Amino acid sequence: MLLATPGQAQQVEVVKFPALQKRLSQPNDTTYVVNFWATWCGPCIKELPYFEQANKTYAGQKVKVLLVSLDYASQLDKKVKPFVQKRGLKSEVLLLNETDPNTWLGKVDDNWSGAIPFTLMLNNKKQKRAGFEQEFTQAELTAQLTKFLR
């Protein structure tokens, strides 16, 4: 028998900021947990499993985890896709194809310096939004998300 074929590989969509912004401005009751990260960022990689756990914990609820890679688009096939595959990420992964962060950082959060990891939690219907320029532990992420969902 031949080797078993792997399950459907996780897709990584490459987007420009206006497409991400449009997606995050939907007037629905979904709480978005958007983590900005990169394959070269140690603290980002360390906290990714916590976002994966949140994705699993809140499956079936109106909570959407989005992992937004800030790697260069040229690294999509060489670094990002293999990384996502190797780590078995189940959350939706986007690669933000923007070269000048100064054009979009402030539109994500006024207080974001550009350091990663950075996490944005938002719910447009409830008009709630919170930005976190920090590396989360599992307990911190759970606590912040629980508080945010109240």
C-alpha atoms as a PDB file:
ATOM      1  CA  MET A   1       0.000   0.000   0.000  1.00  0.00           C
ATOM      2  CA  LEU A   2       1.199   3.508  -0.759  1.00  0.00           C
ATOM      3  CA  LEU A   3       1.720   6.109   1.925  1.00  0.00           C
ATOM      4  CA  ALA A   4      -1.507   7.612   3.216  1.00  0.00           C
ATOM      5  CA  THR A   5      -2.265  10.967   1.677  1.00  0.00           C
ATOM      6  CA  PRO A   6      -2.203  13.783   4.208  1.00  0.00           C
ATOM      7  CA  GLY A   7      -5.409  15.623   5.026  1.00  0.00           C
ATOM      8  CA  GLN A   8      -6.232  18.847   3.298  1.00  0.00           C
ATOM      9  CA  ALA A   9      -3.334  21.218   3.822  1.00  0.00           C
ATOM     10  CA  GLN A  10      -4.052  24.473   5.627  1.00  0.00           C
ATOM     11  CA  GLN A  11      -4.307  27.312   3.134  1.00  0.00           C
ATOM     12  CA  VAL A  12      -2.506  30.592   3.739  1.00  0.00           C
ATOM     13  CA  GLU A  13      -4.217  33.475   2.014  1.00  0.00           C
ATOM     14  CA  VAL A  14      -2.108  36.503   1.060  1.00  0.00           C
ATOM     15  CA  VAL A  15      -4.022  39.745   1.645  1.00  0.00           C
ATOM     16  CA  LYS A  16      -3.465  43.482   1.459  1.00  0.00           C
ATOM     17  CA  PHE A  17      -4.454  45.606   4.461  1.00  0.00           C
ATOM     18  CA  PRO A  18      -7.730  46.950   2.978  1.00  0.00           C
ATOM     19  CA  ALA A  19      -8.985  43.348   2.596  1.00  0.00           C
ATOM     20  CA  LEU A  20      -8.100  42.579   6.233  1.00  0.00           C
ATOM     21  CA  GLN A  21      -9.658  45.843   7.383  1.00  0.00           C
ATOM     22  CA  LYS A  22     -12.865  45.115   5.467  1.00  0.00           C
ATOM     23  CA  ARG A  23     -13.061  41.683   7.042  1.00  0.00           C
ATOM     24  CA  LEU A  24     -12.549  43.046  10.545  1.00  0.00           C
ATOM     25  CA  SER A  25     -15.137  45.784  10.123  1.00  0.00           C
ATOM     26  CA  GLN A  26     -18.070  43.447   9.468  1.00  0.00           C
ATOM     27  CA  PRO A  27     -21.065  44.605  11.546  1.00  0.00           C
ATOM     28  CA  ASN A  28     -21.648  41.135  12.998  1.00  0.00           C
ATOM     29  CA  ASP A  29     -21.629  39.680  16.495  1.00  0.00           C
ATOM     30  CA  THR A  30     -18.449  37.669  15.999  1.00  0.00           C
ATOM     31  CA  THR A  31     -15.549  38.272  18.358  1.00  0.00           C
ATOM     32  CA  TYR A  32     -12.303  38.291  16.391  1.00  0.00           C
ATOM     33  CA  VAL A  33      -9.031  37.350  18.063  1.00  0.00           C
ATOM     34  CA  VAL A  34      -6.389  38.570  15.632  1.00  0.00           C
ATOM     35  CA  ASN A  35      -2.789  37.666  16.393  1.00  0.00           C
ATOM     36  CA  PHE A  36      -0.051  39.412  14.397  1.00  0.00           C
ATOM     37  CA  TRP A  37       3.062  37.211  14.321  1.00  0.00           C
ATOM     38  CA  ALA A  38       5.979  36.049  12.157  1.00  0.00           C
ATOM     39  CA  THR A  39       7.945  32.832  11.684  1.00  0.00           C
ATOM     40  CA  TRP A  40      11.138  34.608  12.843  1.00  0.00           C
ATOM     41  CA  CYS A  41       9.594  35.894  16.112  1.00  0.00           C
ATOM     42  CA  GLY A  42      10.414  33.611  19.061  1.00  0.00           C
ATOM     43  CA  PRO A  43       7.752  34.961  21.465  1.00  0.00           C
ATOM     44  CA  CYS A  44       5.154  34.742  18.661  1.00  0.00           C
ATOM     45  CA  ILE A  45       5.919  31.080  18.022  1.00  0.00           C
ATOM     46  CA  LYS A  46       5.836  30.335  21.746  1.00  0.00           C
ATOM     47  CA  GLU A  47       2.278  31.681  22.130  1.00  0.00           C
ATOM     48  CA  LEU A  48       0.759  30.238  18.911  1.00  0.00           C
ATOM     49  CA  PRO A  49      -0.429  27.038  20.658  1.00  0.00           C
ATOM     50  CA  TYR A  50      -2.486  29.196  23.053  1.00  0.00           C
ATOM     51  CA  PHE A  51      -4.361  30.742  20.123  1.00  0.00           C
ATOM     52  CA  GLU A  52      -4.868  27.278  18.678  1.00  0.00           C
ATOM     53  CA  GLN A  53      -6.324  26.185  22.028  1.00  0.00           C
ATOM     54  CA  ALA A  54      -8.671  29.208  22.055  1.00  0.00           C
ATOM     55  CA  ASN A  55      -9.750  28.308  18.516  1.00  0.00           C
ATOM     56  CA  LYS A  56     -10.614  24.790  19.719  1.00  0.00           C
ATOM     57  CA  THR A  57     -12.229  25.916  22.997  1.00  0.00           C
ATOM     58  CA  TYR A  58     -14.552  28.397  21.293  1.00  0.00           C
ATOM     59  CA  ALA A  59     -15.355  26.290  18.203  1.00  0.00           C
ATOM     60  CA  GLY A  60     -19.077  26.500  17.544  1.00  0.00           C
ATOM     61  CA  GLN A  61     -19.296  29.909  19.225  1.00  0.00           C
ATOM     62  CA  LYS A  62     -19.090  33.319  17.613  1.00  0.00           C
ATOM     63  CA  VAL A  63     -15.328  33.560  18.143  1.00  0.00           C
ATOM     64  CA  LYS A  64     -12.911  33.621  15.206  1.00  0.00           C
ATOM     65  CA  VAL A  65      -9.143  33.265  15.641  1.00  0.00           C
ATOM     66  CA  LEU A  66      -7.123  34.832  12.825  1.00  0.00           C
ATOM     67  CA  LEU A  67      -3.358  34.406  12.694  1.00  0.00           C
ATOM     68  CA  VAL A  68      -1.887  37.208  10.586  1.00  0.00           C
ATOM     69  CA  SER A  69       1.690  36.543   9.511  1.00  0.00           C
ATOM     70  CA  LEU A  70       3.894  39.587   8.969  1.00  0.00           C
ATOM     71  CA  ASP A  71       6.493  37.584   7.056  1.00  0.00           C
ATOM     72  CA  TYR A  72       7.377  38.867   3.583  1.00  0.00           C
ATOM     73  CA  ALA A  73       5.061  37.556   0.867  1.00  0.00           C
ATOM     74  CA  SER A  74       8.165  36.205  -0.896  1.00  0.00           C
ATOM     75  CA  GLN A  75       8.542  33.813   2.073  1.00  0.00           C
ATOM     76  CA  LEU A  76       5.066  32.281   1.630  1.00  0.00           C
ATOM     77  CA  ASP A  77       6.139  28.997   0.020  1.00  0.00           C
ATOM     78  CA  LYS A  78       9.612  28.782   1.555  1.00  0.00           C
ATOM     79  CA  LYS A  79       8.806  29.589   5.177  1.00  0.00           C
ATOM     80  CA  VAL A  80       5.182  30.351   6.051  1.00  0.00           C
ATOM     81  CA  LYS A  81       3.354  27.402   4.467  1.00  0.00           C
ATOM     82  CA  PRO A  82       5.899  24.825   5.728  1.00  0.00           C
ATOM     83  CA  PHE A  83       5.742  26.416   9.197  1.00  0.00           C
ATOM     84  CA  VAL A  84       1.928  26.258   9.281  1.00  0.00           C
ATOM     85  CA  GLN A  85       2.003  22.655   8.036  1.00  0.00           C
ATOM     86  CA  LYS A  86       4.709  21.520  10.462  1.00  0.00           C
ATOM     87  CA  ARG A  87       2.917  23.084  13.429  1.00  0.00           C
ATOM     88  CA  GLY A  88      -0.461  21.733  12.296  1.00  0.00           C
ATOM     89  CA  LEU A  89      -2.163  25.114  12.717  1.00  0.00           C
ATOM     90  CA  LYS A  90      -5.949  24.839  12.424  1.00  0.00           C
ATOM     91  CA  SER A  91      -6.816  28.525  12.902  1.00  0.00           C
ATOM     92  CA  GLU A  92      -7.162  30.598   9.754  1.00  0.00           C
ATOM     93  CA  VAL A  93      -3.785  31.978   8.661  1.00  0.00           C
ATOM     94  CA  LEU A  94      -3.384  35.104   6.541  1.00  0.00           C
ATOM     95  CA  LEU A  95      -0.155  36.634   5.295  1.00  0.00           C
ATOM     96  CA  LEU A  96      -0.340  40.425   5.276  1.00  0.00           C
ATOM     97  CA  ASN A  97       1.379  41.612   2.102  1.00  0.00           C
ATOM     98  CA  GLU A  98       2.317  45.154   3.107  1.00  0.00           C
ATOM     99  CA  THR A  99       5.819  46.606   3.059  1.00  0.00           C
ATOM    100  CA  ASP A 100       5.243  49.869   4.980  1.00  0.00           C
ATOM    101  CA  PRO A 101       3.745  49.274   8.425  1.00  0.00           C
ATOM    102  CA  ASN A 102       3.371  53.017   8.970  1.00  0.00           C
ATOM    103  CA  THR A 103       0.508  53.033   6.467  1.00  0.00           C
ATOM    104  CA  TRP A 104      -1.645  50.586   8.448  1.00  0.00           C
ATOM    105  CA  LEU A 105      -0.428  50.108  12.060  1.00  0.00           C
ATOM    106  CA  GLY A 106      -2.496  52.982  13.461  1.00  0.00           C
ATOM    107  CA  LYS A 107      -5.593  51.640  11.720  1.00  0.00           C
ATOM    108  CA  VAL A 108      -5.245  48.404  13.697  1.00  0.00           C
ATOM    109  CA  ASP A 109      -4.592  50.117  17.041  1.00  0.00           C
ATOM    110  CA  ASP A 110      -3.521  53.677  17.898  1.00  0.00           C
ATOM    111  CA  ASN A 111      -1.232  52.424  20.654  1.00  0.00           C
ATOM    112  CA  TRP A 112       0.553  49.701  18.682  1.00  0.00           C
ATOM    113  CA  SER A 113       4.260  50.537  18.293  1.00  0.00           C
ATOM    114  CA  GLY A 114       4.702  47.837  15.650  1.00  0.00           C
ATOM    115  CA  ALA A 115       6.280  45.303  18.007  1.00  0.00           C
ATOM    116  CA  ILE A 116       5.089  41.721  17.730  1.00  0.00           C
ATOM    117  CA  PRO A 117       3.458  39.641  18.963  1.00  0.00           C
ATOM    118  CA  PHE A 118       0.410  41.895  18.942  1.00  0.00           C
ATOM    119  CA  THR A 119      -3.148  40.715  19.520  1.00  0.00           C
ATOM    120  CA  LEU A 120      -6.354  42.538  18.726  1.00  0.00           C
ATOM    121  CA  MET A 121      -9.699  41.440  20.158  1.00  0.00           C
ATOM    122  CA  LEU A 122     -12.763  43.045  18.682  1.00  0.00           C
ATOM    123  CA  ASN A 123     -16.520  42.697  18.432  1.00  0.00           C
ATOM    124  CA  ASN A 124     -18.129  45.307  16.194  1.00  0.00           C
ATOM    125  CA  LYS A 125     -21.725  44.713  17.235  1.00  0.00           C
ATOM    126  CA  LYS A 126     -20.813  45.232  20.894  1.00  0.00           C
ATOM    127  CA  GLN A 127     -18.418  48.045  19.920  1.00  0.00           C
ATOM    128  CA  LYS A 128     -15.608  46.450  21.927  1.00  0.00           C
ATOM    129  CA  ARG A 129     -11.957  46.559  20.951  1.00  0.00           C
ATOM    130  CA  ALA A 130      -8.748  45.817  22.867  1.00  0.00           C
ATOM    131  CA  GLY A 131      -5.120  45.663  21.747  1.00  0.00           C
ATOM    132  CA  PHE A 132      -2.326  43.780  23.509  1.00  0.00           C
ATOM    133  CA  GLU A 133       1.314  44.429  22.633  1.00  0.00           C
ATOM    134  CA  GLN A 134       2.690  41.475  24.570  1.00  0.00           C
ATOM    135  CA  GLU A 135       3.447  37.788  24.551  1.00  0.00           C
ATOM    136  CA  PHE A 136       0.600  35.897  26.215  1.00  0.00           C
ATOM    137  CA  THR A 137       0.780  32.898  28.494  1.00  0.00           C
ATOM    138  CA  GLN A 138      -2.102  30.436  28.169  1.00  0.00           C
ATOM    139  CA  ALA A 139      -3.623  31.782  31.416  1.00  0.00           C
ATOM    140  CA  GLU A 140      -3.317  35.442  30.336  1.00  0.00           C
ATOM    141  CA  LEU A 141      -4.911  34.831  26.946  1.00  0.00           C
ATOM    142  CA  THR A 142      -7.753  32.830  28.500  1.00  0.00           C
ATOM    143  CA  ALA A 143      -8.331  35.524  31.139  1.00  0.00           C
ATOM    144  CA  GLN A 144      -8.324  38.404  28.628  1.00  0.00           C
ATOM    145  CA  LEU A 145     -10.601  36.571  26.198  1.00  0.00           C
ATOM    146  CA  THR A 146     -13.013  35.542  28.991  1.00  0.00           C
ATOM    147  CA  LYS A 147     -13.130  39.151  30.221  1.00  0.00           C
ATOM    148  CA  PHE A 148     -13.610  40.422  26.661  1.00  0.00           C
ATOM    149  CA  LEU A 149     -16.489  38.024  25.960  1.00  0.00           C
ATOM    150  CA  ARG A 150     -18.521  39.172  28.995  1.00  0.00           C
END
